[in-house]
PDB file of N, CA and C in Angstrom:
ATOM      1  N   UNK A   1       0.930  -1.147   0.242  1.00  0.00           N
ATOM      2  CA  UNK A   1       0.094  -0.170  -0.080  1.00  0.00           C
ATOM      3  C   UNK A   1       0.591   1.312   0.054  1.00  0.00           C
ATOM      4  N   UNK A   2       0.794   2.079  -1.257  1.00  0.00           N
ATOM      5  CA  UNK A   2       1.299   3.536  -1.145  1.00  0.00           C
ATOM      6  C   UNK A   2       0.562   4.627  -0.381  1.00  0.00           C
ATOM      7  N   UNK A   3       0.893   5.282   0.303  1.00  0.00           N
ATOM      8  CA  UNK A   3       0.121   6.457   0.989  1.00  0.00           C
ATOM      9  C   UNK A   3       1.260   7.695   0.521  1.00  0.00           C
ATOM     10  N   UNK A   4       0.658   9.025  -0.070  1.00  0.00           N
ATOM     11  CA  UNK A   4       1.364  10.140  -0.515  1.00  0.00           C
ATOM     12  C   UNK A   4       0.645  11.381  -0.600  1.00  0.00           C
ATOM     13  N   UNK A   5       0.592  12.110   0.364  1.00  0.00           N
ATOM     14  CA  UNK A   5      -0.042  13.344   0.594  1.00  0.00           C
ATOM     15  C   UNK A   5      -0.232  13.587   1.875  1.00  0.00           C
ATOM     16  N   UNK A   6      -1.343  14.581   2.335  1.00  0.00           N
ATOM     17  CA  UNK A   6      -1.703  14.962   3.361  1.00  0.00           C
ATOM     18  C   UNK A   6      -2.119  14.032   4.599  1.00  0.00           C
ATOM     19  N   UNK A   7      -1.774  14.214   5.644  1.00  0.00           N
ATOM     20  CA  UNK A   7      -2.591  13.094   6.746  1.00  0.00           C
ATOM     21  C   UNK A   7      -2.416  13.800   7.860  1.00  0.00           C
ATOM     22  N   UNK A   8      -2.227  12.995   9.060  1.00  0.00           N
ATOM     23  CA  UNK A   8      -2.444  13.510  10.195  1.00  0.00           C
ATOM     24  C   UNK A   8      -1.457  12.369  11.009  1.00  0.00           C
ATOM     25  N   UNK A   9      -0.820  12.966  11.969  1.00  0.00           N
ATOM     26  CA  UNK A   9      -0.032  12.597  13.117  1.00  0.00           C
ATOM     27  C   UNK A   9      -0.685  12.552  14.355  1.00  0.00           C
ATOM     28  N   UNK A  10      -1.043  11.253  14.894  1.00  0.00           N
ATOM     29  CA  UNK A  10      -1.704  10.976  15.974  1.00  0.00           C
ATOM     30  C   UNK A  10      -1.089  10.706  17.142  1.00  0.00           C
ATOM     31  N   UNK A  11      -0.592  11.547  18.390  1.00  0.00           N
ATOM     32  CA  UNK A  11       0.408  10.925  19.472  1.00  0.00           C
ATOM     33  C   UNK A  11      -0.651  11.195  20.653  1.00  0.00           C
ATOM     34  N   UNK A  12      -0.101   9.802  21.277  1.00  0.00           N
ATOM     35  CA  UNK A  12      -1.358   9.418  22.628  1.00  0.00           C
ATOM     36  C   UNK A  12      -0.083   9.161  23.318  1.00  0.00           C
ATOM     37  N   UNK A  13      -0.071  10.021  24.534  1.00  0.00           N
ATOM     38  CA  UNK A  13       0.914  10.204  25.776  1.00  0.00           C
ATOM     39  C   UNK A  13      -0.108   9.448  27.076  1.00  0.00           C
ATOM     40  N   UNK A  14       0.584   7.873  27.350  1.00  0.00           N
ATOM     41  CA  UNK A  14       0.125   7.524  28.777  1.00  0.00           C
ATOM     42  C   UNK A  14       1.176   7.090  29.484  1.00  0.00           C
ATOM     43  N   UNK A  15       0.996   6.170  30.453  1.00  0.00           N
ATOM     44  CA  UNK A  15       1.773   5.461  31.180  1.00  0.00           C
ATOM     45  C   UNK A  15       2.233   4.022  31.070  1.00  0.00           C
ATOM     46  N   UNK A  16       3.568   3.656  30.949  1.00  0.00           N
ATOM     47  CA  UNK A  16       3.713   2.515  31.211  1.00  0.00           C
ATOM     48  C   UNK A  16       2.963   1.578  31.938  1.00  0.00           C
ATOM     49  N   UNK A  17       2.101   1.534  33.070  1.00  0.00           N
ATOM     50  CA  UNK A  17       1.426   0.859  33.998  1.00  0.00           C
ATOM     51  C   UNK A  17      -0.009   0.952  33.960  1.00  0.00           C
ATOM     52  N   UNK A  18      -0.497   1.784  32.787  1.00  0.00           N
ATOM     53  CA  UNK A  18      -1.890   1.717  32.608  1.00  0.00           C
ATOM     54  C   UNK A  18      -2.468   0.451  31.727  1.00  0.00           C
ATOM     55  N   UNK A  19      -3.397   0.049  32.005  1.00  0.00           N
ATOM     56  CA  UNK A  19      -3.980  -1.058  31.532  1.00  0.00           C
ATOM     57  C   UNK A  19      -4.959  -0.877  30.905  1.00  0.00           C
ATOM     58  N   UNK A  20      -5.762  -1.567  30.220  1.00  0.00           N
ATOM     59  CA  UNK A  20      -6.655  -1.827  29.591  1.00  0.00           C
ATOM     60  C   UNK A  20      -7.510  -3.504  29.685  1.00  0.00           C
ATOM     61  N   UNK A  21      -8.264  -3.664  30.166  1.00  0.00           N
ATOM     62  CA  UNK A  21      -8.873  -4.876  30.437  1.00  0.00           C
ATOM     63  C   UNK A  21      -8.031  -6.380  30.842  1.00  0.00           C
ATOM     64  N   UNK A  22      -6.891  -5.822  31.736  1.00  0.00           N
ATOM     65  CA  UNK A  22      -5.823  -6.982  31.932  1.00  0.00           C
ATOM     66  C   UNK A  22      -4.499  -7.192  31.182  1.00  0.00           C
ATOM     67  N   UNK A  23      -4.404  -5.788  30.278  1.00  0.00           N
ATOM     68  CA  UNK A  23      -3.262  -5.986  29.379  1.00  0.00           C
ATOM     69  C   UNK A  23      -2.799  -4.496  29.279  1.00  0.00           C
ATOM     70  N   UNK A  24      -1.658  -4.215  29.129  1.00  0.00           N
ATOM     71  CA  UNK A  24      -0.833  -2.727  28.636  1.00  0.00           C
ATOM     72  C   UNK A  24      -1.831  -2.089  27.627  1.00  0.00           C
ATOM     73  N   UNK A  25      -1.994  -0.943  28.259  1.00  0.00           N
ATOM     74  CA  UNK A  25      -2.758  -0.095  27.626  1.00  0.00           C
ATOM     75  C   UNK A  25      -2.101   0.213  26.467  1.00  0.00           C
ATOM     76  N   UNK A  26      -0.903   0.365  26.029  1.00  0.00           N
ATOM     77  CA  UNK A  26      -0.448   0.720  24.776  1.00  0.00           C
ATOM     78  C   UNK A  26      -0.501  -0.429  23.955  1.00  0.00           C
ATOM     79  N   UNK A  27      -0.455  -1.515  24.632  1.00  0.00           N
ATOM     80  CA  UNK A  27      -0.393  -3.010  23.499  1.00  0.00           C
ATOM     81  C   UNK A  27      -1.956  -3.145  23.061  1.00  0.00           C
ATOM     82  N   UNK A  28      -2.878  -2.664  24.154  1.00  0.00           N
ATOM     83  CA  UNK A  28      -4.256  -2.629  23.779  1.00  0.00           C
ATOM     84  C   UNK A  28      -4.883  -1.692  22.491  1.00  0.00           C
ATOM     85  N   UNK A  29      -3.818  -0.309  22.380  1.00  0.00           N
ATOM     86  CA  UNK A  29      -4.425   0.254  21.532  1.00  0.00           C
ATOM     87  C   UNK A  29      -3.585   0.042  20.193  1.00  0.00           C
ATOM     88  N   UNK A  30      -2.848  -0.594  20.259  1.00  0.00           N
ATOM     89  CA  UNK A  30      -2.009  -0.960  19.143  1.00  0.00           C
ATOM     90  C   UNK A  30      -2.974  -2.347  18.452  1.00  0.00           C
ATOM     91  N   UNK A  31      -3.312  -2.497  19.062  1.00  0.00           N
ATOM     92  CA  UNK A  31      -4.246  -3.965  18.688  1.00  0.00           C
ATOM     93  C   UNK A  31      -5.562  -3.506  17.782  1.00  0.00           C
ATOM     94  N   UNK A  32      -5.899  -2.058  18.706  1.00  0.00           N
ATOM     95  CA  UNK A  32      -7.184  -1.636  17.804  1.00  0.00           C
ATOM     96  C   UNK A  32      -6.588  -0.667  16.577  1.00  0.00           C
ATOM     97  N   UNK A  33      -5.592  -0.274  16.439  1.00  0.00           N
ATOM     98  CA  UNK A  33      -5.175   0.260  15.410  1.00  0.00           C
ATOM     99  C   UNK A  33      -4.976  -0.506  14.463  1.00  0.00           C
ATOM    100  N   UNK A  34      -4.523  -1.889  14.638  1.00  0.00           N
ATOM    101  CA  UNK A  34      -4.183  -2.911  13.369  1.00  0.00           C
ATOM    102  C   UNK A  34      -5.808  -3.118  12.839  1.00  0.00           C
ATOM    103  N   UNK A  35      -6.304  -3.467  13.842  1.00  0.00           N
ATOM    104  CA  UNK A  35      -7.838  -3.851  13.757  1.00  0.00           C
ATOM    105  C   UNK A  35      -8.657  -2.852  12.940  1.00  0.00           C
ATOM    106  N   UNK A  36      -8.531  -1.540  12.927  1.00  0.00           N
ATOM    107  CA  UNK A  36      -9.377  -0.871  12.232  1.00  0.00           C
ATOM    108  C   UNK A  36      -8.471  -0.330  11.008  1.00  0.00           C
ATOM    109  N   UNK A  37      -7.686  -1.483  10.633  1.00  0.00           N
ATOM    110  CA  UNK A  37      -6.706  -1.363   9.428  1.00  0.00           C
ATOM    111  C   UNK A  37      -5.928   0.142   9.124  1.00  0.00           C
ATOM    112  N   UNK A  38      -5.528   0.758  10.036  1.00  0.00           N
ATOM    113  CA  UNK A  38      -4.660   2.151   9.914  1.00  0.00           C
ATOM    114  C   UNK A  38      -3.462   1.751   9.540  1.00  0.00           C
ATOM    115  N   UNK A  39      -2.147   2.644   9.007  1.00  0.00           N
ATOM    116  CA  UNK A  39      -1.402   2.245   8.071  1.00  0.00           C
ATOM    117  C   UNK A  39      -0.406   1.784   9.185  1.00  0.00           C
ATOM    118  N   UNK A  40      -0.444   1.949  10.644  1.00  0.00           N
ATOM    119  CA  UNK A  40       0.665   1.595  11.417  1.00  0.00           C
ATOM    120  C   UNK A  40       0.601   2.451  12.493  1.00  0.00           C
ATOM    121  N   UNK A  41       1.579   1.836  13.618  1.00  0.00           N
ATOM    122  CA  UNK A  41       1.667   2.336  14.892  1.00  0.00           C
ATOM    123  C   UNK A  41       3.206   2.322  15.399  1.00  0.00           C
ATOM    124  N   UNK A  42       3.690   3.053  16.163  1.00  0.00           N
ATOM    125  CA  UNK A  42       4.835   2.693  16.889  1.00  0.00           C
ATOM    126  C   UNK A  42       4.553   3.201  18.266  1.00  0.00           C
ATOM    127  N   UNK A  43       5.334   2.614  19.461  1.00  0.00           N
ATOM    128  CA  UNK A  43       5.175   2.502  20.761  1.00  0.00           C
ATOM    129  C   UNK A  43       6.601   3.245  21.127  1.00  0.00           C
ATOM    130  N   UNK A  44       6.658   4.094  21.760  1.00  0.00           N
ATOM    131  CA  UNK A  44       7.996   4.614  22.046  1.00  0.00           C
ATOM    132  C   UNK A  44       7.851   5.030  23.797  1.00  0.00           C
ATOM    133  N   UNK A  45       8.907   4.104  24.234  1.00  0.00           N
ATOM    134  CA  UNK A  45       9.085   4.355  25.759  1.00  0.00           C
ATOM    135  C   UNK A  45      10.057   5.164  26.055  1.00  0.00           C
ATOM    136  N   UNK A  46       9.597   6.288  26.895  1.00  0.00           N
ATOM    137  CA  UNK A  46      10.325   7.583  27.534  1.00  0.00           C
ATOM    138  C   UNK A  46      11.436   7.046  28.492  1.00  0.00           C
ATOM    139  N   UNK A  47      12.575   8.090  28.605  1.00  0.00           N
ATOM    140  CA  UNK A  47      13.618   7.941  29.599  1.00  0.00           C
ATOM    141  C   UNK A  47      13.216   8.321  30.878  1.00  0.00           C
ATOM    142  N   UNK A  48      12.354   9.476  30.774  1.00  0.00           N
ATOM    143  CA  UNK A  48      11.792  10.685  31.795  1.00  0.00           C
ATOM    144  C   UNK A  48      10.778  11.667  31.257  1.00  0.00           C
ATOM    145  N   UNK A  49       9.760  11.889  32.304  1.00  0.00           N
ATOM    146  CA  UNK A  49       8.832  12.926  32.068  1.00  0.00           C
ATOM    147  C   UNK A  49       7.480  12.718  33.321  1.00  0.00           C
ATOM    148  N   UNK A  50       7.048  14.151  33.029  1.00  0.00           N
ATOM    149  CA  UNK A  50       5.762  14.079  34.072  1.00  0.00           C
ATOM    150  C   UNK A  50       4.552  14.220  33.378  1.00  0.00           C
ATOM    151  N   UNK A  51       3.517  14.001  33.979  1.00  0.00           N
ATOM    152  CA  UNK A  51       2.192  14.460  33.353  1.00  0.00           C
ATOM    153  C   UNK A  51       0.881  15.470  33.992  1.00  0.00           C
ATOM    154  N   UNK A  52       0.133  15.156  34.046  1.00  0.00           N
ATOM    155  CA  UNK A  52      -1.199  16.253  34.728  1.00  0.00           C
ATOM    156  C   UNK A  52      -1.012  16.307  36.440  1.00  0.00           C
ATOM    157  N   UNK A  53      -0.373  14.942  37.184  1.00  0.00           N
ATOM    158  CA  UNK A  53      -0.261  14.912  38.445  1.00  0.00           C
ATOM    159  C   UNK A  53       1.068  15.512  38.582  1.00  0.00           C
ATOM    160  N   UNK A  54       1.690  15.714  37.857  1.00  0.00           N
ATOM    161  CA  UNK A  54       3.502  16.519  38.298  1.00  0.00           C
ATOM    162  C   UNK A  54       4.180  15.626  38.813  1.00  0.00           C
ATOM    163  N   UNK A  55       4.113  14.308  38.925  1.00  0.00           N
ATOM    164  CA  UNK A  55       4.752  13.378  39.578  1.00  0.00           C
ATOM    165  C   UNK A  55       6.229  12.853  38.465  1.00  0.00           C
ATOM    166  N   UNK A  56       7.218  13.133  38.664  1.00  0.00           N
ATOM    167  CA  UNK A  56       8.234  12.908  37.557  1.00  0.00           C
ATOM    168  C   UNK A  56       8.410  11.140  37.369  1.00  0.00           C
ATOM    169  N   UNK A  57       8.375  10.590  36.425  1.00  0.00           N
ATOM    170  CA  UNK A  57       8.832   9.340  36.099  1.00  0.00           C
ATOM    171  C   UNK A  57      10.101   9.312  35.420  1.00  0.00           C
ATOM    172  N   UNK A  58      11.167   8.742  35.966  1.00  0.00           N
ATOM    173  CA  UNK A  58      12.379   8.389  35.339  1.00  0.00           C
ATOM    174  C   UNK A  58      12.921   6.992  35.202  1.00  0.00           C
ATOM    175  N   UNK A  59      13.735   6.931  34.383  1.00  0.00           N
ATOM    176  CA  UNK A  59      14.869   5.396  34.261  1.00  0.00           C
ATOM    177  C   UNK A  59      15.873   5.558  34.971  1.00  0.00           C
ATOM    178  N   UNK A  60      16.250   6.807  35.630  1.00  0.00           N
ATOM    179  CA  UNK A  60      17.653   6.857  35.973  1.00  0.00           C
ATOM    180  C   UNK A  60      17.718   5.682  36.999  1.00  0.00           C
ATOM    181  N   UNK A  61      19.071   5.497  37.155  1.00  0.00           N
ATOM    182  CA  UNK A  61      19.742   4.172  37.694  1.00  0.00           C
ATOM    183  C   UNK A  61      19.083   4.295  38.936  1.00  0.00           C
ATOM    184  N   UNK A  62      19.481   5.292  39.913  1.00  0.00           N
ATOM    185  CA  UNK A  62      19.269   5.344  41.512  1.00  0.00           C
ATOM    186  C   UNK A  62      17.605   5.298  41.694  1.00  0.00           C
ATOM    187  N   UNK A  63      16.615   5.601  40.680  1.00  0.00           N
ATOM    188  CA  UNK A  63      15.497   5.724  40.369  1.00  0.00           C
ATOM    189  C   UNK A  63      14.548   5.249  39.649  1.00  0.00           C
ATOM    190  N   UNK A  64      14.627   3.746  39.480  1.00  0.00           N
ATOM    191  CA  UNK A  64      14.105   3.121  38.504  1.00  0.00           C
ATOM    192  C   UNK A  64      12.476   3.164  38.395  1.00  0.00           C
ATOM    193  N   UNK A  65      11.891   3.571  37.303  1.00  0.00           N
ATOM    194  CA  UNK A  65      10.518   3.591  37.560  1.00  0.00           C
ATOM    195  C   UNK A  65       9.702   2.358  36.876  1.00  0.00           C
ATOM    196  N   UNK A  66       8.875   1.768  37.459  1.00  0.00           N
ATOM    197  CA  UNK A  66       7.918   0.972  36.410  1.00  0.00           C
ATOM    198  C   UNK A  66       6.963   1.861  35.761  1.00  0.00           C
ATOM    199  N   UNK A  67       7.040   2.824  35.927  1.00  0.00           N
ATOM    200  CA  UNK A  67       5.796   3.514  34.895  1.00  0.00           C
ATOM    201  C   UNK A  67       6.266   4.796  34.290  1.00  0.00           C
ATOM    202  N   UNK A  68       7.291   4.373  33.116  1.00  0.00           N
ATOM    203  CA  UNK A  68       7.838   5.114  32.481  1.00  0.00           C
ATOM    204  C   UNK A  68       6.885   5.518  31.490  1.00  0.00           C
ATOM    205  N   UNK A  69       7.270   6.870  30.900  1.00  0.00           N
ATOM    206  CA  UNK A  69       6.081   7.853  29.906  1.00  0.00           C
ATOM    207  C   UNK A  69       6.322   6.611  28.451  1.00  0.00           C
ATOM    208  N   UNK A  70       5.067   6.662  27.921  1.00  0.00           N
ATOM    209  CA  UNK A  70       4.853   6.167  26.689  1.00  0.00           C
ATOM    210  C   UNK A  70       3.998   6.853  25.619  1.00  0.00           C
ATOM    211  N   UNK A  71       4.731   6.851  24.358  1.00  0.00           N
ATOM    212  CA  UNK A  71       4.230   7.433  23.429  1.00  0.00           C
ATOM    213  C   UNK A  71       3.509   6.837  22.536  1.00  0.00           C
ATOM    214  N   UNK A  72       2.499   6.732  21.728  1.00  0.00           N
ATOM    215  CA  UNK A  72       2.271   5.820  20.820  1.00  0.00           C
ATOM    216  C   UNK A  72       2.019   7.055  19.440  1.00  0.00           C
ATOM    217  N   UNK A  73       2.596   6.645  18.519  1.00  0.00           N
ATOM    218  CA  UNK A  73       2.635   7.392  17.215  1.00  0.00           C
ATOM    219  C   UNK A  73       2.045   6.851  16.338  1.00  0.00           C
ATOM    220  N   UNK A  74       0.876   7.454  15.463  1.00  0.00           N
ATOM    221  CA  UNK A  74      -0.231   6.882  14.714  1.00  0.00           C
ATOM    222  C   UNK A  74       0.042   8.066  13.220  1.00  0.00           C
ATOM    223  N   UNK A  75       0.017   7.540  12.273  1.00  0.00           N
ATOM    224  CA  UNK A  75       0.050   8.241  11.187  1.00  0.00           C
ATOM    225  C   UNK A  75      -0.836   7.829   9.880  1.00  0.00           C
ATOM    226  N   UNK A  76      -1.660   8.342   9.437  1.00  0.00           N
ATOM    227  CA  UNK A  76      -2.327   8.024   8.363  1.00  0.00           C
ATOM    228  C   UNK A  76      -3.358   8.898   7.798  1.00  0.00           C
ATOM    229  N   UNK A  77      -4.303   8.977   6.847  1.00  0.00           N
ATOM    230  CA  UNK A  77      -4.903   9.869   6.305  1.00  0.00           C
ATOM    231  C   UNK A  77      -5.965  10.165   7.243  1.00  0.00           C
ATOM    232  N   UNK A  78      -6.618  11.439   6.963  1.00  0.00           N
ATOM    233  CA  UNK A  78      -7.032  12.347   7.875  1.00  0.00           C
ATOM    234  C   UNK A  78      -8.544  11.607   8.414  1.00  0.00           C
ATOM    235  N   UNK A  79      -8.999  11.063   7.561  1.00  0.00           N
ATOM    236  CA  UNK A  79     -10.776   9.977   7.733  1.00  0.00           C
ATOM    237  C   UNK A  79     -10.298   9.229   8.922  1.00  0.00           C
ATOM    238  N   UNK A  80      -9.021   8.211   8.577  1.00  0.00           N
ATOM    239  CA  UNK A  80      -8.829   7.173   9.515  1.00  0.00           C
ATOM    240  C   UNK A  80      -8.567   7.319  10.743  1.00  0.00           C
ATOM    241  N   UNK A  81      -7.605   8.797  10.874  1.00  0.00           N
ATOM    242  CA  UNK A  81      -7.426   9.340  12.280  1.00  0.00           C
ATOM    243  C   UNK A  81      -8.806   9.633  13.139  1.00  0.00           C
ATOM    244  N   UNK A  82      -9.516  10.489  12.390  1.00  0.00           N
ATOM    245  CA  UNK A  82     -10.716  10.785  13.194  1.00  0.00           C
ATOM    246  C   UNK A  82     -11.573   9.658  13.507  1.00  0.00           C
ATOM    247  N   UNK A  83     -11.483   8.821  12.705  1.00  0.00           N
ATOM    248  CA  UNK A  83     -12.468   7.725  13.042  1.00  0.00           C
ATOM    249  C   UNK A  83     -11.959   6.902  14.212  1.00  0.00           C
ATOM    250  N   UNK A  84     -10.751   6.634  14.116  1.00  0.00           N
ATOM    251  CA  UNK A  84      -9.956   5.813  15.351  1.00  0.00           C
ATOM    252  C   UNK A  84     -10.106   6.614  16.563  1.00  0.00           C
ATOM    253  N   UNK A  85     -10.374   8.012  16.709  1.00  0.00           N
ATOM    254  CA  UNK A  85     -10.514   8.781  18.158  1.00  0.00           C
ATOM    255  C   UNK A  85     -11.582   8.190  18.851  1.00  0.00           C
ATOM    256  N   UNK A  86     -12.961   7.939  18.663  1.00  0.00           N
ATOM    257  CA  UNK A  86     -13.902   7.702  18.972  1.00  0.00           C
ATOM    258  C   UNK A  86     -13.814   6.055  19.473  1.00  0.00           C
ATOM    259  N   UNK A  87     -12.806   5.354  18.808  1.00  0.00           N
ATOM    260  CA  UNK A  87     -12.518   4.202  19.301  1.00  0.00           C
ATOM    261  C   UNK A  87     -12.036   4.123  20.719  1.00  0.00           C
ATOM    262  N   UNK A  88     -10.798   5.192  20.430  1.00  0.00           N
ATOM    263  CA  UNK A  88      -9.737   5.190  21.277  1.00  0.00           C
ATOM    264  C   UNK A  88     -10.264   5.915  22.781  1.00  0.00           C
ATOM    265  N   UNK A  89     -11.524   6.571  22.326  1.00  0.00           N
ATOM    266  CA  UNK A  89     -12.140   7.581  23.470  1.00  0.00           C
ATOM    267  C   UNK A  89     -12.604   6.792  24.804  1.00  0.00           C
ATOM    268  N   UNK A  90     -12.698   5.491  24.448  1.00  0.00           N
ATOM    269  CA  UNK A  90     -13.410   4.656  25.735  1.00  0.00           C
ATOM    270  C   UNK A  90     -12.305   4.166  26.415  1.00  0.00           C
ATOM    271  N   UNK A  91     -11.449   3.994  25.808  1.00  0.00           N
ATOM    272  CA  UNK A  91      -9.984   3.486  26.334  1.00  0.00           C
ATOM    273  C   UNK A  91      -8.919   4.255  26.971  1.00  0.00           C
ATOM    274  N   UNK A  92      -9.008   5.371  26.568  1.00  0.00           N
ATOM    275  CA  UNK A  92      -8.091   6.675  26.935  1.00  0.00           C
ATOM    276  C   UNK A  92      -8.779   7.140  28.176  1.00  0.00           C
ATOM    277  N   UNK A  93      -8.498   7.348  29.150  1.00  0.00           N
ATOM    278  CA  UNK A  93      -9.264   8.147  30.426  1.00  0.00           C
ATOM    279  C   UNK A  93      -8.247   9.491  30.760  1.00  0.00           C
ATOM    280  N   UNK A  94      -9.019   9.985  31.841  1.00  0.00           N
ATOM    281  CA  UNK A  94      -8.323  11.260  32.501  1.00  0.00           C
ATOM    282  C   UNK A  94      -6.693  10.983  32.894  1.00  0.00           C
ATOM    283  N   UNK A  95      -6.323  12.066  32.466  1.00  0.00           N
ATOM    284  CA  UNK A  95      -4.816  12.269  32.642  1.00  0.00           C
ATOM    285  C   UNK A  95      -3.991  11.879  31.723  1.00  0.00           C
ATOM    286  N   UNK A  96      -4.801  11.472  30.313  1.00  0.00           N
ATOM    287  CA  UNK A  96      -3.705  11.189  29.212  1.00  0.00           C
ATOM    288  C   UNK A  96      -4.109  12.778  28.249  1.00  0.00           C
ATOM    289  N   UNK A  97      -2.859  12.280  27.715  1.00  0.00           N
ATOM    290  CA  UNK A  97      -3.118  13.384  26.246  1.00  0.00           C
ATOM    291  C   UNK A  97      -2.997  13.037  24.972  1.00  0.00           C
ATOM    292  N   UNK A  98      -3.609  13.190  24.221  1.00  0.00           N
ATOM    293  CA  UNK A  98      -3.389  13.207  22.330  1.00  0.00           C
ATOM    294  C   UNK A  98      -3.508  14.644  21.868  1.00  0.00           C
ATOM    295  N   UNK A  99      -2.493  14.373  21.015  1.00  0.00           N
ATOM    296  CA  UNK A  99      -2.004  15.527  20.128  1.00  0.00           C
ATOM    297  C   UNK A  99      -2.528  14.986  18.602  1.00  0.00           C
ATOM    298  N   UNK A 100      -2.823  15.889  17.862  1.00  0.00           N
ATOM    299  CA  UNK A 100      -3.010  15.960  16.299  1.00  0.00           C
ATOM    300  C   UNK A 100      -2.117  16.794  15.502  1.00  0.00           C
ATOM    301  N   UNK A 101      -0.976  16.359  14.728  1.00  0.00           N
ATOM    302  CA  UNK A 101      -0.806  17.472  13.674  1.00  0.00           C
ATOM    303  C   UNK A 101      -0.780  16.908  12.366  1.00  0.00           C
ATOM    304  N   UNK A 102      -0.548  18.055  11.600  1.00  0.00           N
ATOM    305  CA  UNK A 102      -0.840  17.795  10.067  1.00  0.00           C
ATOM    306  C   UNK A 102       0.420  17.489   9.809  1.00  0.00           C
ATOM    307  N   UNK A 103       0.638  16.375   8.673  1.00  0.00           N
ATOM    308  CA  UNK A 103       1.978  16.007   7.992  1.00  0.00           C
ATOM    309  C   UNK A 103       1.891  15.526   6.597  1.00  0.00           C
ATOM    310  N   UNK A 104       2.803  15.660   6.078  1.00  0.00           N
ATOM    311  CA  UNK A 104       3.152  15.089   4.485  1.00  0.00           C
ATOM    312  C   UNK A 104       3.509  13.526   4.489  1.00  0.00           C
ATOM    313  N   UNK A 105       2.735  12.751   4.066  1.00  0.00           N
ATOM    314  CA  UNK A 105       2.839  11.521   4.342  1.00  0.00           C
ATOM    315  C   UNK A 105       3.690  11.150   3.002  1.00  0.00           C
ATOM    316  N   UNK A 106       4.902  10.467   3.053  1.00  0.00           N
ATOM    317  CA  UNK A 106       5.607   9.748   1.778  1.00  0.00           C
ATOM    318  C   UNK A 106       5.982   8.326   2.480  1.00  0.00           C
ATOM    319  N   UNK A 107       5.105   6.964   2.231  1.00  0.00           N
ATOM    320  CA  UNK A 107       5.098   6.032   2.554  1.00  0.00           C
ATOM    321  C   UNK A 107       5.336   4.860   1.005  1.00  0.00           C
ATOM    322  N   UNK A 108       5.994   3.960   1.175  1.00  0.00           N
ATOM    323  CA  UNK A 108       6.034   3.301  -0.292  1.00  0.00           C
ATOM    324  C   UNK A 108       6.183   1.976   0.711  1.00  0.00           C
ATOM    325  N   UNK A 109       5.317   1.150   0.570  1.00  0.00           N
ATOM    326  CA  UNK A 109       5.662  -0.091   1.219  1.00  0.00           C
ATOM    327  C   UNK A 109       5.545  -1.214  -0.097  1.00  0.00           C
ATOM    328  N   UNK A 110       5.904  -2.487   0.224  1.00  0.00           N
ATOM    329  CA  UNK A 110       5.863  -3.336  -0.930  1.00  0.00           C
ATOM    330  C   UNK A 110       5.055  -4.433  -0.757  1.00  0.00           C
ATOM    331  N   UNK A 111       4.489  -5.454  -1.328  1.00  0.00           N
ATOM    332  CA  UNK A 111       3.681  -6.289  -1.467  1.00  0.00           C
ATOM    333  C   UNK A 111       4.337  -7.363  -0.145  1.00  0.00           C
ATOM    334  N   UNK A 112       3.394  -8.237   0.138  1.00  0.00           N
ATOM    335  CA  UNK A 112       4.047  -9.196   1.403  1.00  0.00           C
ATOM    336  C   UNK A 112       4.842 -10.151   0.558  1.00  0.00           C
ATOM    337  N   UNK A 113       4.828 -10.188  -0.945  1.00  0.00           N
ATOM    338  CA  UNK A 113       5.525 -11.280  -1.686  1.00  0.00           C
ATOM    339  C   UNK A 113       6.896 -10.790  -1.447  1.00  0.00           C
ATOM    340  N   UNK A 114       7.322  -9.695  -1.190  1.00  0.00           N
ATOM    341  CA  UNK A 114       8.656  -9.106  -1.070  1.00  0.00           C
ATOM    342  C   UNK A 114       9.395  -9.934  -0.129  1.00  0.00           C
ATOM    343  N   UNK A 115      10.704 -10.221   0.002  1.00  0.00           N
ATOM    344  CA  UNK A 115      11.110 -10.894   1.137  1.00  0.00           C
ATOM    345  C   UNK A 115      12.690 -10.272   0.845  1.00  0.00           C
ATOM    346  N   UNK A 116      13.179 -10.038   2.183  1.00  0.00           N
ATOM    347  CA  UNK A 116      14.524  -9.491   2.669  1.00  0.00           C
ATOM    348  C   UNK A 116      15.696 -10.635   1.798  1.00  0.00           C
ATOM    349  N   UNK A 117      16.539  -9.999   1.739  1.00  0.00           N
ATOM    350  CA  UNK A 117      17.802 -10.870   1.637  1.00  0.00           C
ATOM    351  C   UNK A 117      18.089 -11.961   2.191  1.00  0.00           C
ATOM    352  N   UNK A 118      18.109 -11.669   3.499  1.00  0.00           N
ATOM    353  CA  UNK A 118      18.169 -12.742   4.445  1.00  0.00           C
ATOM    354  C   UNK A 118      17.528 -13.860   4.238  1.00  0.00           C
ATOM    355  N   UNK A 119      15.900 -13.772   4.080  1.00  0.00           N
ATOM    356  CA  UNK A 119      14.955 -14.744   3.987  1.00  0.00           C
ATOM    357  C   UNK A 119      15.169 -15.351   2.711  1.00  0.00           C
ATOM    358  N   UNK A 120      15.725 -14.701   1.660  1.00  0.00           N
ATOM    359  CA  UNK A 120      15.894 -15.531   0.105  1.00  0.00           C
ATOM    360  C   UNK A 120      16.877 -16.154   0.379  1.00  0.00           C
ATOM    361  N   UNK A 121      18.082 -16.214   1.294  1.00  0.00           N
ATOM    362  CA  UNK A 121      19.381 -16.916   1.076  1.00  0.00           C
ATOM    363  C   UNK A 121      18.753 -18.218   2.150  1.00  0.00           C
ATOM    364  N   UNK A 122      18.040 -17.708   3.330  1.00  0.00           N
ATOM    365  CA  UNK A 122      18.079 -19.148   3.932  1.00  0.00           C
ATOM    366  C   UNK A 122      16.979 -19.960   3.793  1.00  0.00           C
TER     367      UNK A 122
END
């Protein structure tokens, strides 16, 4: 699938320890993104940050946190981003933040038949 043109970048800021029906919230969100056929998602684990409650979460050795900041980034066309917001609304509660930005998308994806050099050799 090739996507080229104007789109939206959706960033979701949550905590690593946040849960949804017994699984990590970030994992549940990625599954919902995939189920709704968005182009893709990336989960980024932060090393330090704070949110609405102003409590600092840090990965420094002397203060190892089990609740580090997590950012989930999703890029797709505007309609798909707008549609997924209603799905995510039930999952993402108070204290979290969502940011949407305009972006220019250049995505060139091959078919599933394209194998890497490593796969072809082995």
